[in-house]
Amino acid sequence: MTYLDPLADLIRSCLPPAARPPEGSEDLFRLYAVLLRAKGERVTDEDVHDAWSAWMQTVDDGHASLVPFEDLSPETRASDAPYADAIREAARRLGGRSGMTRGGRPRG
């Protein structure tokens, strides 16, 4: 377990009940934790899609949604929104943009 894992768990806990993350998505949520640290409340749906794409390349490099965000259908774009919302909510719960103290510990 690293400093990213508690942040990944926090993001997961901020998802709405209807969101169903894929099985074996621990590495995906670590990427979302990086977005939390780097962008905090400024994270976008496109950022989430880019992180998902990086993860999906390791899972299924032929997945139909491995295209730039702007090339996705509106329905597929909408599937990134709950994850971006969860990252922003995690940032708010941590009290700011990045979610981490200078010492590398989660705030809160």
PDB file of N, CA and C in Angstrom:
ATOM      1  N   MET A   1       0.847  -1.178   0.000  1.00  0.00           N
ATOM      2  CA  MET A   1       0.000   0.000   0.000  1.00  0.00           C
ATOM      3  C   MET A   1       0.895   1.246   0.000  1.00  0.00           C
ATOM      4  N   THR A   2       0.537   2.212  -0.857  1.00  0.00           N
ATOM      5  CA  THR A   2       1.296   3.458  -0.930  1.00  0.00           C
ATOM      6  C   THR A   2       0.400   4.627  -0.522  1.00  0.00           C
ATOM      7  N   TYR A   3       0.949   5.804  -0.563  1.00  0.00           N
ATOM      8  CA  TYR A   3       0.199   7.012  -0.237  1.00  0.00           C
ATOM      9  C   TYR A   3      -0.961   7.249  -1.200  1.00  0.00           C
ATOM     10  N   LEU A   4      -0.930   6.634  -2.375  1.00  0.00           N
ATOM     11  CA  LEU A   4      -2.022   6.805  -3.332  1.00  0.00           C
ATOM     12  C   LEU A   4      -3.246   5.962  -2.982  1.00  0.00           C
ATOM     13  N   ASP A   5      -3.032   4.845  -2.306  1.00  0.00           N
ATOM     14  CA  ASP A   5      -4.147   3.935  -2.038  1.00  0.00           C
ATOM     15  C   ASP A   5      -5.246   4.543  -1.169  1.00  0.00           C
ATOM     16  N   PRO A   6      -4.933   5.277  -0.080  1.00  0.00           N
ATOM     17  CA  PRO A   6      -6.026   5.903   0.676  1.00  0.00           C
ATOM     18  C   PRO A   6      -6.807   6.925  -0.163  1.00  0.00           C
ATOM     19  N   LEU A   7      -6.110   7.616  -1.064  1.00  0.00           N
ATOM     20  CA  LEU A   7      -6.802   8.559  -1.937  1.00  0.00           C
ATOM     21  C   LEU A   7      -7.689   7.827  -2.934  1.00  0.00           C
ATOM     22  N   ALA A   8      -7.200   6.726  -3.464  1.00  0.00           N
ATOM     23  CA  ALA A   8      -8.001   5.910  -4.378  1.00  0.00           C
ATOM     24  C   ALA A   8      -9.255   5.396  -3.678  1.00  0.00           C
ATOM     25  N   ASP A   9      -9.096   4.965  -2.430  1.00  0.00           N
ATOM     26  CA  ASP A   9     -10.249   4.486  -1.653  1.00  0.00           C
ATOM     27  C   ASP A   9     -11.250   5.609  -1.401  1.00  0.00           C
ATOM     28  N   LEU A  10     -10.732   6.808  -1.114  1.00  0.00           N
ATOM     29  CA  LEU A  10     -11.614   7.950  -0.897  1.00  0.00           C
ATOM     30  C   LEU A  10     -12.413   8.257  -2.159  1.00  0.00           C
ATOM     31  N   ILE A  11     -11.755   8.276  -3.290  1.00  0.00           N
ATOM     32  CA  ILE A  11     -12.455   8.541  -4.558  1.00  0.00           C
ATOM     33  C   ILE A  11     -13.540   7.492  -4.778  1.00  0.00           C
ATOM     34  N   ARG A  12     -13.197   6.237  -4.569  1.00  0.00           N
ATOM     35  CA  ARG A  12     -14.180   5.159  -4.745  1.00  0.00           C
ATOM     36  C   ARG A  12     -15.389   5.383  -3.830  1.00  0.00           C
ATOM     37  N   SER A  13     -15.129   5.831  -2.601  1.00  0.00           N
ATOM     38  CA  SER A  13     -16.223   6.050  -1.646  1.00  0.00           C
ATOM     39  C   SER A  13     -17.096   7.237  -2.032  1.00  0.00           C
ATOM     40  N   CYS A  14     -16.600   8.122  -2.886  1.00  0.00           N
ATOM     41  CA  CYS A  14     -17.360   9.298  -3.330  1.00  0.00           C
ATOM     42  C   CYS A  14     -18.214   9.021  -4.561  1.00  0.00           C
ATOM     43  N   LEU A  15     -18.094   7.847  -5.125  1.00  0.00           N
ATOM     44  CA  LEU A  15     -18.904   7.501  -6.304  1.00  0.00           C
ATOM     45  C   LEU A  15     -20.363   7.347  -5.919  1.00  0.00           C
ATOM     46  N   PRO A  16     -21.266   7.718  -6.803  1.00  0.00           N
ATOM     47  CA  PRO A  16     -22.682   7.466  -6.529  1.00  0.00           C
ATOM     48  C   PRO A  16     -22.959   5.962  -6.565  1.00  0.00           C
ATOM     49  N   PRO A  17     -24.000   5.527  -5.865  1.00  0.00           N
ATOM     50  CA  PRO A  17     -24.301   4.089  -5.814  1.00  0.00           C
ATOM     51  C   PRO A  17     -24.495   3.441  -7.181  1.00  0.00           C
ATOM     52  N   ALA A  18     -24.973   4.195  -8.162  1.00  0.00           N
ATOM     53  CA  ALA A  18     -25.226   3.618  -9.486  1.00  0.00           C
ATOM     54  C   ALA A  18     -23.946   3.351 -10.279  1.00  0.00           C
ATOM     55  N   ALA A  19     -22.843   3.986  -9.893  1.00  0.00           N
ATOM     56  CA  ALA A  19     -21.575   3.775 -10.608  1.00  0.00           C
ATOM     57  C   ALA A  19     -21.067   2.370 -10.312  1.00  0.00           C
ATOM     58  N   ARG A  20     -20.615   1.699 -11.341  1.00  0.00           N
ATOM     59  CA  ARG A  20     -20.121   0.331 -11.191  1.00  0.00           C
ATOM     60  C   ARG A  20     -18.728   0.244 -11.802  1.00  0.00           C
ATOM     61  N   PRO A  21     -17.705   0.499 -10.956  1.00  0.00           N
ATOM     62  CA  PRO A  21     -16.338   0.396 -11.483  1.00  0.00           C
ATOM     63  C   PRO A  21     -16.053  -1.031 -11.941  1.00  0.00           C
ATOM     64  N   PRO A  22     -15.213  -1.179 -12.934  1.00  0.00           N
ATOM     65  CA  PRO A  22     -14.889  -2.521 -13.416  1.00  0.00           C
ATOM     66  C   PRO A  22     -14.146  -3.332 -12.354  1.00  0.00           C
ATOM     67  N   GLU A  23     -14.299  -4.635 -12.435  1.00  0.00           N
ATOM     68  CA  GLU A  23     -13.545  -5.524 -11.549  1.00  0.00           C
ATOM     69  C   GLU A  23     -12.054  -5.305 -11.781  1.00  0.00           C
ATOM     70  N   GLY A  24     -11.277  -5.437 -10.728  1.00  0.00           N
ATOM     71  CA  GLY A  24      -9.839  -5.317 -10.862  1.00  0.00           C
ATOM     72  C   GLY A  24      -9.380  -3.926 -11.248  1.00  0.00           C
ATOM     73  N   SER A  25     -10.078  -2.905 -10.766  1.00  0.00           N
ATOM     74  CA  SER A  25      -9.761  -1.535 -11.172  1.00  0.00           C
ATOM     75  C   SER A  25      -8.913  -0.780 -10.148  1.00  0.00           C
ATOM     76  N   GLU A  26      -8.187  -1.481  -9.310  1.00  0.00           N
ATOM     77  CA  GLU A  26      -7.354  -0.818  -8.302  1.00  0.00           C
ATOM     78  C   GLU A  26      -6.347   0.121  -8.962  1.00  0.00           C
ATOM     79  N   ASP A  27      -5.699  -0.334 -10.034  1.00  0.00           N
ATOM     80  CA  ASP A  27      -4.723   0.521 -10.723  1.00  0.00           C
ATOM     81  C   ASP A  27      -5.392   1.738 -11.355  1.00  0.00           C
ATOM     82  N   LEU A  28      -6.606   1.568 -11.847  1.00  0.00           N
ATOM     83  CA  LEU A  28      -7.349   2.694 -12.405  1.00  0.00           C
ATOM     84  C   LEU A  28      -7.581   3.756 -11.334  1.00  0.00           C
ATOM     85  N   PHE A  29      -7.981   3.326 -10.151  1.00  0.00           N
ATOM     86  CA  PHE A  29      -8.246   4.287  -9.089  1.00  0.00           C
ATOM     87  C   PHE A  29      -6.965   4.936  -8.577  1.00  0.00           C
ATOM     88  N   ARG A  30      -5.832   4.257  -8.703  1.00  0.00           N
ATOM     89  CA  ARG A  30      -4.561   4.917  -8.384  1.00  0.00           C
ATOM     90  C   ARG A  30      -4.282   6.034  -9.388  1.00  0.00           C
ATOM     91  N   LEU A  31      -4.620   5.812 -10.646  1.00  0.00           N
ATOM     92  CA  LEU A  31      -4.489   6.881 -11.640  1.00  0.00           C
ATOM     93  C   LEU A  31      -5.418   8.045 -11.301  1.00  0.00           C
ATOM     94  N   TYR A  32      -6.621   7.734 -10.857  1.00  0.00           N
ATOM     95  CA  TYR A  32      -7.539   8.787 -10.431  1.00  0.00           C
ATOM     96  C   TYR A  32      -6.967   9.528  -9.220  1.00  0.00           C
ATOM     97  N   ALA A  33      -6.262   8.809  -8.332  1.00  0.00           N
ATOM     98  CA  ALA A  33      -5.616   9.458  -7.187  1.00  0.00           C
ATOM     99  C   ALA A  33      -4.545  10.435  -7.658  1.00  0.00           C
ATOM    100  N   VAL A  34      -3.835  10.089  -8.719  1.00  0.00           N
ATOM    101  CA  VAL A  34      -2.853  11.015  -9.292  1.00  0.00           C
ATOM    102  C   VAL A  34      -3.571  12.267  -9.794  1.00  0.00           C
ATOM    103  N   LEU A  35      -4.716  12.098 -10.440  1.00  0.00           N
ATOM    104  CA  LEU A  35      -5.486  13.256 -10.887  1.00  0.00           C
ATOM    105  C   LEU A  35      -5.934  14.100  -9.695  1.00  0.00           C
ATOM    106  N   LEU A  36      -6.324  13.458  -8.623  1.00  0.00           N
ATOM    107  CA  LEU A  36      -6.720  14.179  -7.420  1.00  0.00           C
ATOM    108  C   LEU A  36      -5.565  15.041  -6.914  1.00  0.00           C
ATOM    109  N   ARG A  37      -4.386  14.452  -6.855  1.00  0.00           N
ATOM    110  CA  ARG A  37      -3.210  15.202  -6.387  1.00  0.00           C
ATOM    111  C   ARG A  37      -2.820  16.318  -7.352  1.00  0.00           C
ATOM    112  N   ALA A  38      -2.909  16.049  -8.634  1.00  0.00           N
ATOM    113  CA  ALA A  38      -2.437  17.009  -9.630  1.00  0.00           C
ATOM    114  C   ALA A  38      -3.451  18.117  -9.921  1.00  0.00           C
ATOM    115  N   LYS A  39      -4.732  17.767  -9.939  1.00  0.00           N
ATOM    116  CA  LYS A  39      -5.736  18.731 -10.400  1.00  0.00           C
ATOM    117  C   LYS A  39      -6.799  19.034  -9.366  1.00  0.00           C
ATOM    118  N   GLY A  40      -7.027  18.138  -8.431  1.00  0.00           N
ATOM    119  CA  GLY A  40      -8.040  18.377  -7.410  1.00  0.00           C
ATOM    120  C   GLY A  40      -9.390  18.690  -8.024  1.00  0.00           C
ATOM    121  N   GLU A  41      -9.998  19.781  -7.544  1.00  0.00           N
ATOM    122  CA  GLU A  41     -11.330  20.146  -8.010  1.00  0.00           C
ATOM    123  C   GLU A  41     -11.352  20.620  -9.459  1.00  0.00           C
ATOM    124  N   ARG A  42     -10.206  20.821 -10.068  1.00  0.00           N
ATOM    125  CA  ARG A  42     -10.139  21.275 -11.458  1.00  0.00           C
ATOM    126  C   ARG A  42     -10.133  20.115 -12.458  1.00  0.00           C
ATOM    127  N   VAL A  43     -10.259  18.878 -11.979  1.00  0.00           N
ATOM    128  CA  VAL A  43     -10.237  17.725 -12.880  1.00  0.00           C
ATOM    129  C   VAL A  43     -11.444  17.782 -13.818  1.00  0.00           C
ATOM    130  N   THR A  44     -11.246  17.327 -15.042  1.00  0.00           N
ATOM    131  CA  THR A  44     -12.321  17.337 -16.047  1.00  0.00           C
ATOM    132  C   THR A  44     -12.696  15.906 -16.437  1.00  0.00           C
ATOM    133  N   ASP A  45     -13.823  15.786 -17.094  1.00  0.00           N
ATOM    134  CA  ASP A  45     -14.230  14.487 -17.627  1.00  0.00           C
ATOM    135  C   ASP A  45     -13.179  13.978 -18.615  1.00  0.00           C
ATOM    136  N   GLU A  46     -12.601  14.883 -19.391  1.00  0.00           N
ATOM    137  CA  GLU A  46     -11.568  14.491 -20.348  1.00  0.00           C
ATOM    138  C   GLU A  46     -10.332  13.934 -19.627  1.00  0.00           C
ATOM    139  N   ASP A  47      -9.947  14.535 -18.503  1.00  0.00           N
ATOM    140  CA  ASP A  47      -8.822  14.008 -17.716  1.00  0.00           C
ATOM    141  C   ASP A  47      -9.106  12.578 -17.278  1.00  0.00           C
ATOM    142  N   VAL A  48     -10.327  12.353 -16.810  1.00  0.00           N
ATOM    143  CA  VAL A  48     -10.719  11.015 -16.351  1.00  0.00           C
ATOM    144  C   VAL A  48     -10.655  10.030 -17.511  1.00  0.00           C
ATOM    145  N   HIS A  49     -11.130  10.446 -18.670  1.00  0.00           N
ATOM    146  CA  HIS A  49     -11.078   9.554 -19.839  1.00  0.00           C
ATOM    147  C   HIS A  49      -9.634   9.220 -20.198  1.00  0.00           C
ATOM    148  N   ASP A  50      -8.747  10.216 -20.146  1.00  0.00           N
ATOM    149  CA  ASP A  50      -7.343   9.964 -20.465  1.00  0.00           C
ATOM    150  C   ASP A  50      -6.733   8.954 -19.490  1.00  0.00           C
ATOM    151  N   ALA A  51      -7.037   9.097 -18.194  1.00  0.00           N
ATOM    152  CA  ALA A  51      -6.526   8.139 -17.197  1.00  0.00           C
ATOM    153  C   ALA A  51      -7.110   6.753 -17.460  1.00  0.00           C
ATOM    154  N   TRP A  52      -8.408   6.702 -17.735  1.00  0.00           N
ATOM    155  CA  TRP A  52      -9.054   5.423 -18.038  1.00  0.00           C
ATOM    156  C   TRP A  52      -8.404   4.785 -19.267  1.00  0.00           C
ATOM    157  N   SER A  53      -8.131   5.595 -20.287  1.00  0.00           N
ATOM    158  CA  SER A  53      -7.513   5.079 -21.514  1.00  0.00           C
ATOM    159  C   SER A  53      -6.140   4.485 -21.241  1.00  0.00           C
ATOM    160  N   ALA A  54      -5.345   5.165 -20.425  1.00  0.00           N
ATOM    161  CA  ALA A  54      -4.021   4.639 -20.079  1.00  0.00           C
ATOM    162  C   ALA A  54      -4.154   3.290 -19.381  1.00  0.00           C
ATOM    163  N   TRP A  55      -5.136   3.191 -18.483  1.00  0.00           N
ATOM    164  CA  TRP A  55      -5.373   1.928 -17.774  1.00  0.00           C
ATOM    165  C   TRP A  55      -5.907   0.863 -18.737  1.00  0.00           C
ATOM    166  N   MET A  56      -6.882   1.233 -19.567  1.00  0.00           N
ATOM    167  CA  MET A  56      -7.520   0.265 -20.459  1.00  0.00           C
ATOM    168  C   MET A  56      -6.520  -0.314 -21.455  1.00  0.00           C
ATOM    169  N   GLN A  57      -5.523   0.441 -21.845  1.00  0.00           N
ATOM    170  CA  GLN A  57      -4.513  -0.093 -22.756  1.00  0.00           C
ATOM    171  C   GLN A  57      -3.842  -1.334 -22.173  1.00  0.00           C
ATOM    172  N   THR A  58      -3.752  -1.406 -20.855  1.00  0.00           N
ATOM    173  CA  THR A  58      -3.125  -2.564 -20.218  1.00  0.00           C
ATOM    174  C   THR A  58      -4.099  -3.721 -20.069  1.00  0.00           C
ATOM    175  N   VAL A  59      -5.387  -3.433 -20.212  1.00  0.00           N
ATOM    176  CA  VAL A  59      -6.435  -4.443 -20.027  1.00  0.00           C
ATOM    177  C   VAL A  59      -6.932  -4.981 -21.364  1.00  0.00           C
ATOM    178  N   ASP A  60      -7.231  -4.059 -22.292  1.00  0.00           N
ATOM    179  CA  ASP A  60      -7.787  -4.416 -23.599  1.00  0.00           C
ATOM    180  C   ASP A  60      -7.414  -3.320 -24.592  1.00  0.00           C
ATOM    181  N   ASP A  61      -6.273  -3.472 -25.236  1.00  0.00           N
ATOM    182  CA  ASP A  61      -5.789  -2.402 -26.103  1.00  0.00           C
ATOM    183  C   ASP A  61      -6.586  -2.251 -27.398  1.00  0.00           C
ATOM    184  N   GLY A  62      -7.611  -3.062 -27.577  1.00  0.00           N
ATOM    185  CA  GLY A  62      -8.488  -2.931 -28.729  1.00  0.00           C
ATOM    186  C   GLY A  62      -9.854  -2.362 -28.376  1.00  0.00           C
ATOM    187  N   HIS A  63     -10.032  -1.889 -27.156  1.00  0.00           N
ATOM    188  CA  HIS A  63     -11.323  -1.371 -26.707  1.00  0.00           C
ATOM    189  C   HIS A  63     -11.777  -0.221 -27.608  1.00  0.00           C
ATOM    190  N   ALA A  64     -13.043  -0.222 -27.962  1.00  0.00           N
ATOM    191  CA  ALA A  64     -13.593   0.766 -28.898  1.00  0.00           C
ATOM    192  C   ALA A  64     -13.518   2.203 -28.372  1.00  0.00           C
ATOM    193  N   SER A  65     -13.442   2.387 -27.053  1.00  0.00           N
ATOM    194  CA  SER A  65     -13.416   3.739 -26.493  1.00  0.00           C
ATOM    195  C   SER A  65     -12.007   4.294 -26.310  1.00  0.00           C
ATOM    196  N   LEU A  66     -11.015   3.604 -26.827  1.00  0.00           N
ATOM    197  CA  LEU A  66      -9.637   4.113 -26.755  1.00  0.00           C
ATOM    198  C   LEU A  66      -9.405   5.107 -27.890  1.00  0.00           C
ATOM    199  N   VAL A  67     -10.108   6.208 -27.792  1.00  0.00           N
ATOM    200  CA  VAL A  67     -10.019   7.314 -28.749  1.00  0.00           C
ATOM    201  C   VAL A  67     -10.011   8.598 -27.930  1.00  0.00           C
ATOM    202  N   PRO A  68      -9.607   9.711 -28.539  1.00  0.00           N
ATOM    203  CA  PRO A  68      -9.668  10.977 -27.802  1.00  0.00           C
ATOM    204  C   PRO A  68     -11.094  11.271 -27.326  1.00  0.00           C
ATOM    205  N   PHE A  69     -11.182  11.951 -26.203  1.00  0.00           N
ATOM    206  CA  PHE A  69     -12.468  12.254 -25.578  1.00  0.00           C
ATOM    207  C   PHE A  69     -13.448  12.881 -26.561  1.00  0.00           C
ATOM    208  N   GLU A  70     -12.956  13.816 -27.370  1.00  0.00           N
ATOM    209  CA  GLU A  70     -13.856  14.526 -28.289  1.00  0.00           C
ATOM    210  C   GLU A  70     -14.422  13.621 -29.377  1.00  0.00           C
ATOM    211  N   ASP A  71     -13.838  12.444 -29.573  1.00  0.00           N
ATOM    212  CA  ASP A  71     -14.339  11.505 -30.583  1.00  0.00           C
ATOM    213  C   ASP A  71     -15.347  10.503 -30.021  1.00  0.00           C
ATOM    214  N   LEU A  72     -15.591  10.571 -28.718  1.00  0.00           N
ATOM    215  CA  LEU A  72     -16.557   9.663 -28.091  1.00  0.00           C
ATOM    216  C   LEU A  72     -17.984  10.137 -28.332  1.00  0.00           C
ATOM    217  N   SER A  73     -18.919   9.219 -28.302  1.00  0.00           N
ATOM    218  CA  SER A  73     -20.333   9.597 -28.364  1.00  0.00           C
ATOM    219  C   SER A  73     -20.699  10.323 -27.066  1.00  0.00           C
ATOM    220  N   PRO A  74     -21.750  11.138 -27.102  1.00  0.00           N
ATOM    221  CA  PRO A  74     -22.177  11.822 -25.876  1.00  0.00           C
ATOM    222  C   PRO A  74     -22.492  10.842 -24.736  1.00  0.00           C
ATOM    223  N   GLU A  75     -23.058   9.688 -25.071  1.00  0.00           N
ATOM    224  CA  GLU A  75     -23.384   8.703 -24.051  1.00  0.00           C
ATOM    225  C   GLU A  75     -22.115   8.165 -23.384  1.00  0.00           C
ATOM    226  N   THR A  76     -21.097   7.893 -24.183  1.00  0.00           N
ATOM    227  CA  THR A  76     -19.849   7.379 -23.634  1.00  0.00           C
ATOM    228  C   THR A  76     -19.137   8.465 -22.844  1.00  0.00           C
ATOM    229  N   ARG A  77     -19.159   9.693 -23.334  1.00  0.00           N
ATOM    230  CA  ARG A  77     -18.565  10.805 -22.572  1.00  0.00           C
ATOM    231  C   ARG A  77     -19.203  10.917 -21.193  1.00  0.00           C
ATOM    232  N   ALA A  78     -20.514  10.752 -21.151  1.00  0.00           N
ATOM    233  CA  ALA A  78     -21.237  10.889 -19.883  1.00  0.00           C
ATOM    234  C   ALA A  78     -20.797   9.859 -18.850  1.00  0.00           C
ATOM    235  N   SER A  79     -20.266   8.729 -19.295  1.00  0.00           N
ATOM    236  CA  SER A  79     -19.847   7.700 -18.338  1.00  0.00           C
ATOM    237  C   SER A  79     -18.620   8.119 -17.533  1.00  0.00           C
ATOM    238  N   ASP A  80     -17.887   9.128 -17.983  1.00  0.00           N
ATOM    239  CA  ASP A  80     -16.730   9.627 -17.233  1.00  0.00           C
ATOM    240  C   ASP A  80     -17.139  10.597 -16.131  1.00  0.00           C
ATOM    241  N   ALA A  81     -18.290  11.208 -16.253  1.00  0.00           N
ATOM    242  CA  ALA A  81     -18.721  12.259 -15.326  1.00  0.00           C
ATOM    243  C   ALA A  81     -18.773  11.809 -13.862  1.00  0.00           C
ATOM    244  N   PRO A  82     -19.332  10.649 -13.520  1.00  0.00           N
ATOM    245  CA  PRO A  82     -19.379  10.276 -12.102  1.00  0.00           C
ATOM    246  C   PRO A  82     -17.992  10.148 -11.472  1.00  0.00           C
ATOM    247  N   TYR A  83     -17.015   9.755 -12.264  1.00  0.00           N
ATOM    248  CA  TYR A  83     -15.661   9.588 -11.750  1.00  0.00           C
ATOM    249  C   TYR A  83     -14.993  10.953 -11.548  1.00  0.00           C
ATOM    250  N   ALA A  84     -15.218  11.876 -12.478  1.00  0.00           N
ATOM    251  CA  ALA A  84     -14.706  13.238 -12.299  1.00  0.00           C
ATOM    252  C   ALA A  84     -15.379  13.894 -11.097  1.00  0.00           C
ATOM    253  N   ASP A  85     -16.686  13.689 -10.963  1.00  0.00           N
ATOM    254  CA  ASP A  85     -17.409  14.233  -9.806  1.00  0.00           C
ATOM    255  C   ASP A  85     -16.855  13.659  -8.502  1.00  0.00           C
ATOM    256  N   ALA A  86     -16.550  12.370  -8.492  1.00  0.00           N
ATOM    257  CA  ALA A  86     -16.015  11.725  -7.284  1.00  0.00           C
ATOM    258  C   ALA A  86     -14.636  12.279  -6.934  1.00  0.00           C
ATOM    259  N   ILE A  87     -13.821  12.543  -7.937  1.00  0.00           N
ATOM    260  CA  ILE A  87     -12.498  13.120  -7.680  1.00  0.00           C
ATOM    261  C   ILE A  87     -12.651  14.529  -7.109  1.00  0.00           C
ATOM    262  N   ARG A  88     -13.550  15.318  -7.671  1.00  0.00           N
ATOM    263  CA  ARG A  88     -13.780  16.674  -7.159  1.00  0.00           C
ATOM    264  C   ARG A  88     -14.319  16.629  -5.735  1.00  0.00           C
ATOM    265  N   GLU A  89     -15.224  15.704  -5.460  1.00  0.00           N
ATOM    266  CA  GLU A  89     -15.761  15.567  -4.105  1.00  0.00           C
ATOM    267  C   GLU A  89     -14.658  15.154  -3.135  1.00  0.00           C
ATOM    268  N   ALA A  90     -13.799  14.241  -3.545  1.00  0.00           N
ATOM    269  CA  ALA A  90     -12.672  13.842  -2.692  1.00  0.00           C
ATOM    270  C   ALA A  90     -11.780  15.043  -2.394  1.00  0.00           C
ATOM    271  N   ALA A  91     -11.539  15.875  -3.402  1.00  0.00           N
ATOM    272  CA  ALA A  91     -10.721  17.076  -3.195  1.00  0.00           C
ATOM    273  C   ALA A  91     -11.381  18.010  -2.185  1.00  0.00           C
ATOM    274  N   ARG A  92     -12.695  18.174  -2.284  1.00  0.00           N
ATOM    275  CA  ARG A  92     -13.412  19.033  -1.326  1.00  0.00           C
ATOM    276  C   ARG A  92     -13.303  18.457   0.080  1.00  0.00           C
ATOM    277  N   ARG A  93     -13.468  17.157   0.209  1.00  0.00           N
ATOM    278  CA  ARG A  93     -13.369  16.531   1.527  1.00  0.00           C
ATOM    279  C   ARG A  93     -11.979  16.693   2.131  1.00  0.00           C
ATOM    280  N   LEU A  94     -10.993  16.758   1.275  1.00  0.00           N
ATOM    281  CA  LEU A  94      -9.619  16.928   1.740  1.00  0.00           C
ATOM    282  C   LEU A  94      -9.259  18.399   1.931  1.00  0.00           C
ATOM    283  N   GLY A  95     -10.183  19.276   1.582  1.00  0.00           N
ATOM    284  CA  GLY A  95     -10.004  20.679   1.874  1.00  0.00           C
ATOM    285  C   GLY A  95      -9.229  21.493   0.869  1.00  0.00           C
ATOM    286  N   GLY A  96      -9.131  21.018  -0.344  1.00  0.00           N
ATOM    287  CA  GLY A  96      -8.427  21.847  -1.303  1.00  0.00           C
ATOM    288  C   GLY A  96      -8.169  21.199  -2.622  1.00  0.00           C
ATOM    289  N   ARG A  97      -7.331  21.857  -3.378  1.00  0.00           N
ATOM    290  CA  ARG A  97      -7.057  21.474  -4.757  1.00  0.00           C
ATOM    291  C   ARG A  97      -6.358  20.140  -4.876  1.00  0.00           C
ATOM    292  N   SER A  98      -5.333  19.882  -4.052  1.00  0.00           N
ATOM    293  CA  SER A  98      -4.524  18.696  -4.323  1.00  0.00           C
ATOM    294  C   SER A  98      -4.789  17.530  -3.392  1.00  0.00           C
ATOM    295  N   GLY A  99      -5.315  17.760  -2.226  1.00  0.00           N
ATOM    296  CA  GLY A  99      -5.623  16.637  -1.358  1.00  0.00           C
ATOM    297  C   GLY A  99      -4.468  16.081  -0.567  1.00  0.00           C
ATOM    298  N   MET A 100      -3.290  16.651  -0.698  1.00  0.00           N
ATOM    299  CA  MET A 100      -2.148  16.128   0.046  1.00  0.00           C
ATOM    300  C   MET A 100      -1.401  17.269   0.728  1.00  0.00           C
ATOM    301  N   THR A 101      -0.811  16.965   1.865  1.00  0.00           N
ATOM    302  CA  THR A 101       0.043  17.937   2.534  1.00  0.00           C
ATOM    303  C   THR A 101       1.413  17.908   1.870  1.00  0.00           C
ATOM    304  N   ARG A 102       2.244  18.837   2.206  1.00  0.00           N
ATOM    305  CA  ARG A 102       3.597  18.866   1.648  1.00  0.00           C
ATOM    306  C   ARG A 102       4.374  17.630   2.028  1.00  0.00           C
ATOM    307  N   GLY A 103       4.069  17.038   3.158  1.00  0.00           N
ATOM    308  CA  GLY A 103       4.775  15.840   3.600  1.00  0.00           C
ATOM    309  C   GLY A 103       4.304  14.563   2.923  1.00  0.00           C
ATOM    310  N   GLY A 104       3.331  14.668   2.024  1.00  0.00           N
ATOM    311  CA  GLY A 104       2.859  13.503   1.282  1.00  0.00           C
ATOM    312  C   GLY A 104       1.792  12.698   1.980  1.00  0.00           C
ATOM    313  N   ARG A 105       1.180  13.277   3.032  1.00  0.00           N
ATOM    314  CA  ARG A 105       0.118  12.579   3.758  1.00  0.00           C
ATOM    315  C   ARG A 105      -1.224  13.146   3.364  1.00  0.00           C
ATOM    316  N   PRO A 106      -2.264  12.311   3.327  1.00  0.00           N
ATOM    317  CA  PRO A 106      -3.591  12.843   3.019  1.00  0.00           C
ATOM    318  C   PRO A 106      -4.001  13.880   4.048  1.00  0.00           C
ATOM    319  N   ARG A 107      -4.617  14.955   3.568  1.00  0.00           N
ATOM    320  CA  ARG A 107      -5.173  15.944   4.484  1.00  0.00           C
ATOM    321  C   ARG A 107      -6.503  15.425   4.999  1.00  0.00           C
ATOM    322  N   GLY A 108      -6.908  15.964   6.123  1.00  0.00           N
ATOM    323  CA  GLY A 108      -8.257  15.660   6.590  1.00  0.00           C
ATOM    324  C   GLY A 108      -8.339  15.055   7.922  1.00  0.00           C
TER     325      GLY A 108
END
